[in-house]
C-alpha atoms as a PDB file:
ATOM      1  CA  UNK A   1     -12.256  18.557  40.672  1.00  0.00           C
ATOM      2  CA  UNK A   2     -13.044  15.510  38.735  1.00  0.00           C
ATOM      3  CA  UNK A   3     -11.156  16.657  35.625  1.00  0.00           C
ATOM      4  CA  UNK A   4      -7.836  18.009  37.964  1.00  0.00           C
ATOM      5  CA  UNK A   5      -7.810  14.402  39.263  1.00  0.00           C
ATOM      6  CA  UNK A   6      -7.915  12.893  35.832  1.00  0.00           C
ATOM      7  CA  UNK A   7      -5.378  15.276  34.534  1.00  0.00           C
ATOM      8  CA  UNK A   8      -3.151  14.516  37.516  1.00  0.00           C
ATOM      9  CA  UNK A   9      -3.327  10.781  37.093  1.00  0.00           C
ATOM     10  CA  UNK A  10      -2.704  11.208  33.137  1.00  0.00           C
ATOM     11  CA  UNK A  11       0.198  13.178  33.771  1.00  0.00           C
ATOM     12  CA  UNK A  12       2.006  10.965  36.078  1.00  0.00           C
ATOM     13  CA  UNK A  13       1.450   8.087  33.549  1.00  0.00           C
ATOM     14  CA  UNK A  14       4.481   8.231  31.034  1.00  0.00           C
ATOM     15  CA  UNK A  15       3.679   6.782  27.767  1.00  0.00           C
ATOM     16  CA  UNK A  16       6.636   6.425  25.562  1.00  0.00           C
ATOM     17  CA  UNK A  17       6.271   7.331  21.910  1.00  0.00           C
ATOM     18  CA  UNK A  18       9.349   5.797  19.832  1.00  0.00           C
ATOM     19  CA  UNK A  19       8.248   8.498  16.950  1.00  0.00           C
ATOM     20  CA  UNK A  20       8.842  11.170  19.758  1.00  0.00           C
ATOM     21  CA  UNK A  21      12.074   9.568  20.709  1.00  0.00           C
ATOM     22  CA  UNK A  22      13.202   9.232  17.335  1.00  0.00           C
ATOM     23  CA  UNK A  23      12.358  12.910  16.275  1.00  0.00           C
ATOM     24  CA  UNK A  24      14.490  13.888  19.501  1.00  0.00           C
ATOM     25  CA  UNK A  25      17.188  11.902  18.852  1.00  0.00           C
ATOM     26  CA  UNK A  26      17.304  13.535  15.220  1.00  0.00           C
ATOM     27  CA  UNK A  27      17.060  17.310  16.623  1.00  0.00           C
ATOM     28  CA  UNK A  28      20.188  16.541  18.597  1.00  0.00           C
ATOM     29  CA  UNK A  29      22.010  14.642  16.103  1.00  0.00           C
ATOM     30  CA  UNK A  30      24.955  16.332  13.924  1.00  0.00           C
ATOM     31  CA  UNK A  31      24.803  15.992  10.303  1.00  0.00           C
ATOM     32  CA  UNK A  32      27.843  13.952   9.845  1.00  0.00           C
ATOM     33  CA  UNK A  33      28.605  11.154   7.284  1.00  0.00           C
ATOM     34  CA  UNK A  34      28.656   8.894  10.481  1.00  0.00           C
ATOM     35  CA  UNK A  35      24.894   9.763  11.235  1.00  0.00           C
ATOM     36  CA  UNK A  36      23.734   9.348   8.039  1.00  0.00           C
ATOM     37  CA  UNK A  37      25.275   5.374   8.083  1.00  0.00           C
ATOM     38  CA  UNK A  38      23.078   4.822  11.477  1.00  0.00           C
ATOM     39  CA  UNK A  39      19.535   3.649  10.150  1.00  0.00           C
ATOM     40  CA  UNK A  40      18.250   3.433  13.700  1.00  0.00           C
ATOM     41  CA  UNK A  41      15.663   6.378  14.173  1.00  0.00           C
ATOM     42  CA  UNK A  42      14.009   5.214  10.778  1.00  0.00           C
ATOM     43  CA  UNK A  43      12.160   2.399  12.025  1.00  0.00           C
ATOM     44  CA  UNK A  44      10.994   3.945  14.980  1.00  0.00           C
ATOM     45  CA  UNK A  45       9.528   7.096  13.016  1.00  0.00           C
ATOM     46  CA  UNK A  46       7.414   4.735  10.496  1.00  0.00           C
ATOM     47  CA  UNK A  47       5.398   2.014  12.558  1.00  0.00           C
ATOM     48  CA  UNK A  48       4.146  -1.111  10.903  1.00  0.00           C
ATOM     49  CA  UNK A  49       0.960   0.586  10.431  1.00  0.00           C
ATOM     50  CA  UNK A  50       2.445   3.560   8.501  1.00  0.00           C
ATOM     51  CA  UNK A  51       4.723   1.180   6.330  1.00  0.00           C
ATOM     52  CA  UNK A  52       1.575  -1.090   5.518  1.00  0.00           C
ATOM     53  CA  UNK A  53      -0.165   2.036   4.468  1.00  0.00           C
ATOM     54  CA  UNK A  54       2.369   3.546   2.219  1.00  0.00           C
ATOM     55  CA  UNK A  55       2.880  -0.300   0.670  1.00  0.00           C
ATOM     56  CA  UNK A  56      -1.020  -0.125  -0.220  1.00  0.00           C
ATOM     57  CA  UNK A  57      -0.752   3.389  -1.513  1.00  0.00           C
ATOM     58  CA  UNK A  58       2.268   2.118  -3.484  1.00  0.00           C
ATOM     59  CA  UNK A  59       0.347  -0.884  -5.209  1.00  0.00           C
ATOM     60  CA  UNK A  60      -2.596   1.153  -5.867  1.00  0.00           C
ATOM     61  CA  UNK A  61      -0.487   3.682  -7.843  1.00  0.00           C
ATOM     62  CA  UNK A  62       1.241   0.924  -9.703  1.00  0.00           C
ATOM     63  CA  UNK A  63      -2.037  -0.878 -10.661  1.00  0.00           C
ATOM     64  CA  UNK A  64      -3.070   2.523 -12.021  1.00  0.00           C
ATOM     65  CA  UNK A  65       0.149   2.864 -13.955  1.00  0.00           C
ATOM     66  CA  UNK A  66      -0.206  -0.715 -15.196  1.00  0.00           C
ATOM     67  CA  UNK A  67      -3.771  -0.270 -16.388  1.00  0.00           C
ATOM     68  CA  UNK A  68      -2.863   2.989 -18.233  1.00  0.00           C
ATOM     69  CA  UNK A  69       0.187   1.481 -19.911  1.00  0.00           C
ATOM     70  CA  UNK A  70      -0.275  -2.184 -20.133  1.00  0.00           C
ATOM     71  CA  UNK A  71       1.908  -4.729 -20.400  1.00  0.00           C
ATOM     72  CA  UNK A  72       4.889  -5.953 -22.229  1.00  0.00           C
ATOM     73  CA  UNK A  73       7.289  -4.946 -19.448  1.00  0.00           C
ATOM     74  CA  UNK A  74      10.403  -6.980 -18.240  1.00  0.00           C
ATOM     75  CA  UNK A  75      10.888  -7.650 -14.625  1.00  0.00           C
ATOM     76  CA  UNK A  76      13.594  -5.113 -14.544  1.00  0.00           C
ATOM     77  CA  UNK A  77      11.481  -2.357 -15.306  1.00  0.00           C
ATOM     78  CA  UNK A  78       8.548  -3.398 -13.093  1.00  0.00           C
ATOM     79  CA  UNK A  79      11.005  -3.768 -10.239  1.00  0.00           C
ATOM     80  CA  UNK A  80      12.044  -0.427 -10.849  1.00  0.00           C
ATOM     81  CA  UNK A  81       8.561   1.275 -11.068  1.00  0.00           C
ATOM     82  CA  UNK A  82       7.760  -0.631  -8.245  1.00  0.00           C
ATOM     83  CA  UNK A  83      10.332   0.532  -6.132  1.00  0.00           C
ATOM     84  CA  UNK A  84       9.881   3.872  -6.965  1.00  0.00           C
ATOM     85  CA  UNK A  85       6.135   3.961  -6.094  1.00  0.00           C
ATOM     86  CA  UNK A  86       7.406   2.608  -2.556  1.00  0.00           C
ATOM     87  CA  UNK A  87       9.629   5.239  -2.148  1.00  0.00           C
ATOM     88  CA  UNK A  88       7.496   7.971  -2.747  1.00  0.00           C
ATOM     89  CA  UNK A  89       4.544   6.646  -0.747  1.00  0.00           C
ATOM     90  CA  UNK A  90       7.225   6.036   2.263  1.00  0.00           C
ATOM     91  CA  UNK A  91       8.680   9.400   2.311  1.00  0.00           C
ATOM     92  CA  UNK A  92       5.344  10.828   2.034  1.00  0.00           C
ATOM     93  CA  UNK A  93       4.352   9.032   5.276  1.00  0.00           C
ATOM     94  CA  UNK A  94       7.753   9.915   6.936  1.00  0.00           C
ATOM     95  CA  UNK A  95       6.929  13.632   6.348  1.00  0.00           C
ATOM     96  CA  UNK A  96       3.362  13.331   7.373  1.00  0.00           C
ATOM     97  CA  UNK A  97       4.643  11.733  10.821  1.00  0.00           C
ATOM     98  CA  UNK A  98       7.482  14.391  11.278  1.00  0.00           C
ATOM     99  CA  UNK A  99       5.091  17.228  10.386  1.00  0.00           C
ATOM    100  CA  UNK A 100       2.293  15.924  11.988  1.00  0.00           C
ATOM    101  CA  UNK A 101       4.441  15.627  15.643  1.00  0.00           C
ATOM    102  CA  UNK A 102       5.567  19.196  14.908  1.00  0.00           C
ATOM    103  CA  UNK A 103       2.064  20.729  14.139  1.00  0.00           C
ATOM    104  CA  UNK A 104       2.778  21.845  10.993  1.00  0.00           C
ATOM    105  CA  UNK A 105      -0.247  21.474   8.572  1.00  0.00           C
ATOM    106  CA  UNK A 106      -1.669  22.867   5.526  1.00  0.00           C
ATOM    107  CA  UNK A 107       0.548  24.996   2.626  1.00  0.00           C
ATOM    108  CA  UNK A 108       3.285  25.314   5.234  1.00  0.00           C
ATOM    109  CA  UNK A 109       4.198  21.565   4.730  1.00  0.00           C
ATOM    110  CA  UNK A 110       5.393  22.356   1.465  1.00  0.00           C
ATOM    111  CA  UNK A 111       8.523  24.297   2.677  1.00  0.00           C
ATOM    112  CA  UNK A 112       9.848  21.148   4.312  1.00  0.00           C
ATOM    113  CA  UNK A 113       8.628  18.464   2.060  1.00  0.00           C
ATOM    114  CA  UNK A 114      10.028  19.949  -1.052  1.00  0.00           C
ATOM    115  CA  UNK A 115      13.646  19.738   1.054  1.00  0.00           C
ATOM    116  CA  UNK A 116      12.947  16.709   1.292  1.00  0.00           C
ATOM    117  CA  UNK A 117      12.253  15.469  -2.074  1.00  0.00           C
ATOM    118  CA  UNK A 118      15.325  17.460  -3.088  1.00  0.00           C
ATOM    119  CA  UNK A 119      17.629  15.522  -0.864  1.00  0.00           C
ATOM    120  CA  UNK A 120      15.762  12.251  -1.852  1.00  0.00           C
ATOM    121  CA  UNK A 121      16.806  13.397  -5.711  1.00  0.00           C
ATOM    122  CA  UNK A 122      20.538  14.201  -4.488  1.00  0.00           C
ATOM    123  CA  UNK A 123      21.044  10.651  -2.576  1.00  0.00           C
ATOM    124  CA  UNK A 124      20.380   8.937  -5.680  1.00  0.00           C
ATOM    125  CA  UNK A 125      22.850  11.004  -7.840  1.00  0.00           C
ATOM    126  CA  UNK A 126      25.686  11.596  -5.026  1.00  0.00           C
ATOM    127  CA  UNK A 127      27.382   9.623  -2.468  1.00  0.00           C
ATOM    128  CA  UNK A 128      29.584  10.531   0.378  1.00  0.00           C
ATOM    129  CA  UNK A 129      30.947  13.688   1.383  1.00  0.00           C
ATOM    130  CA  UNK A 130      29.390  15.460  -1.900  1.00  0.00           C
ATOM    131  CA  UNK A 131      26.113  14.275  -0.754  1.00  0.00           C
ATOM    132  CA  UNK A 132      26.865  16.106   2.561  1.00  0.00           C
ATOM    133  CA  UNK A 133      27.913  19.219   1.241  1.00  0.00           C
ATOM    134  CA  UNK A 134      24.854  19.249  -1.188  1.00  0.00           C
ATOM    135  CA  UNK A 135      22.469  18.720   1.662  1.00  0.00           C
ATOM    136  CA  UNK A 136      24.047  21.477   3.767  1.00  0.00           C
ATOM    137  CA  UNK A 137      23.627  23.812   0.944  1.00  0.00           C
ATOM    138  CA  UNK A 138      19.820  22.718   0.371  1.00  0.00           C
ATOM    139  CA  UNK A 139      19.277  23.418   4.170  1.00  0.00           C
ATOM    140  CA  UNK A 140      20.980  26.640   4.203  1.00  0.00           C
ATOM    141  CA  UNK A 141      18.991  27.569   0.679  1.00  0.00           C
ATOM    142  CA  UNK A 142      15.567  26.292   2.327  1.00  0.00           C
ATOM    143  CA  UNK A 143      16.164  28.390   5.574  1.00  0.00           C
ATOM    144  CA  UNK A 144      16.816  31.595   3.813  1.00  0.00           C
ATOM    145  CA  UNK A 145      14.417  31.135   0.944  1.00  0.00           C
ATOM    146  CA  UNK A 146      11.287  29.708   3.209  1.00  0.00           C
ATOM    147  CA  UNK A 147      12.288  31.057   6.335  1.00  0.00           C
ATOM    148  CA  UNK A 148      12.153  27.926   8.518  1.00  0.00           C
ATOM    149  CA  UNK A 149      14.317  26.827  11.406  1.00  0.00           C
ATOM    150  CA  UNK A 150      17.522  25.177  10.193  1.00  0.00           C
ATOM    151  CA  UNK A 151      17.247  22.331  12.731  1.00  0.00           C
ATOM    152  CA  UNK A 152      13.859  21.371  11.706  1.00  0.00           C
ATOM    153  CA  UNK A 153      15.307  21.141   8.006  1.00  0.00           C
ATOM    154  CA  UNK A 154      18.010  19.207   9.412  1.00  0.00           C
ATOM    155  CA  UNK A 155      15.835  16.635  10.652  1.00  0.00           C
ATOM    156  CA  UNK A 156      13.629  16.432   7.717  1.00  0.00           C
ATOM    157  CA  UNK A 157      17.120  15.770   5.476  1.00  0.00           C
ATOM    158  CA  UNK A 158      18.434  13.109   8.016  1.00  0.00           C
ATOM    159  CA  UNK A 159      15.250  11.364   8.063  1.00  0.00           C
ATOM    160  CA  UNK A 160      15.178  11.158   4.096  1.00  0.00           C
ATOM    161  CA  UNK A 161      18.870  10.156   3.790  1.00  0.00           C
ATOM    162  CA  UNK A 162      18.187   7.636   6.597  1.00  0.00           C
ATOM    163  CA  UNK A 163      14.957   6.356   4.766  1.00  0.00           C
ATOM    164  CA  UNK A 164      16.662   6.085   1.507  1.00  0.00           C
ATOM    165  CA  UNK A 165      19.258   3.940   2.740  1.00  0.00           C
ATOM    166  CA  UNK A 166      16.774   1.555   4.724  1.00  0.00           C
ATOM    167  CA  UNK A 167      14.626   1.457   1.587  1.00  0.00           C
ATOM    168  CA  UNK A 168      17.336   0.456  -0.610  1.00  0.00           C
ATOM    169  CA  UNK A 169      18.181  -2.548   1.699  1.00  0.00           C
ATOM    170  CA  UNK A 170      14.574  -3.644   2.409  1.00  0.00           C
ATOM    171  CA  UNK A 171      12.539  -3.002  -0.766  1.00  0.00           C
ATOM    172  CA  UNK A 172      14.830  -2.639  -3.712  1.00  0.00           C
ATOM    173  CA  UNK A 173      14.030  -5.778  -5.065  1.00  0.00           C
ATOM    174  CA  UNK A 174      10.160  -5.514  -4.728  1.00  0.00           C
ATOM    175  CA  UNK A 175       8.029  -6.399  -7.671  1.00  0.00           C
ATOM    176  CA  UNK A 176       4.249  -6.037  -7.733  1.00  0.00           C
ATOM    177  CA  UNK A 177       2.930  -9.243  -9.364  1.00  0.00           C
ATOM    178  CA  UNK A 178       0.552  -8.756 -12.369  1.00  0.00           C
ATOM    179  CA  UNK A 179      -2.041 -11.217 -13.328  1.00  0.00           C
ATOM    180  CA  UNK A 180      -2.464 -12.108 -17.263  1.00  0.00           C
ATOM    181  CA  UNK A 181      -5.794  -9.972 -16.901  1.00  0.00           C
ATOM    182  CA  UNK A 182      -3.546  -6.923 -15.836  1.00  0.00           C
ATOM    183  CA  UNK A 183      -4.605  -7.046 -12.222  1.00  0.00           C
ATOM    184  CA  UNK A 184      -2.240  -6.472  -9.259  1.00  0.00           C
ATOM    185  CA  UNK A 185      -1.588  -9.327  -6.833  1.00  0.00           C
ATOM    186  CA  UNK A 186       0.614  -8.125  -4.461  1.00  0.00           C
ATOM    187  CA  UNK A 187       4.522  -8.372  -4.108  1.00  0.00           C
ATOM    188  CA  UNK A 188       7.095 -10.564  -4.249  1.00  0.00           C
END
């Protein structure tokens, strides 16, 4: 009886989860250029904790990269490498959040993340209507090849493109600082 009362009380309390709202928005959105330009749901999918986790992971990867290769790089190269590590870590967090909400774990996640990484790669190669056509073709291919629902693939593709646009605006100028001894000090 006590469990039933708690269940009724908990059921009546409505907690708003921004990530679930963003996923619902992306599920109902059409795959159009106008929708790709909007960046709103991405900030809801990646909360500040996920972003800081991704930045710490990117910084650790940069530190390892720098310790293996040593110094002597100009700032342009360091900026490009830093941005690449940040992109990869943010995409991982995004996919972890989306697939976790859908309850997809284990080896099945590769079917979805492979599409996301391909969309990310194409985003940097093509823009506009050409990007839209490539994304639709990739969704079609992955739905047939892996037997995955197209709507779920559309959400992954839309979220990836929106995240890429947001990352270009927010993190393209970030450079992890390195001391003379080769230790990573943070970012500018």
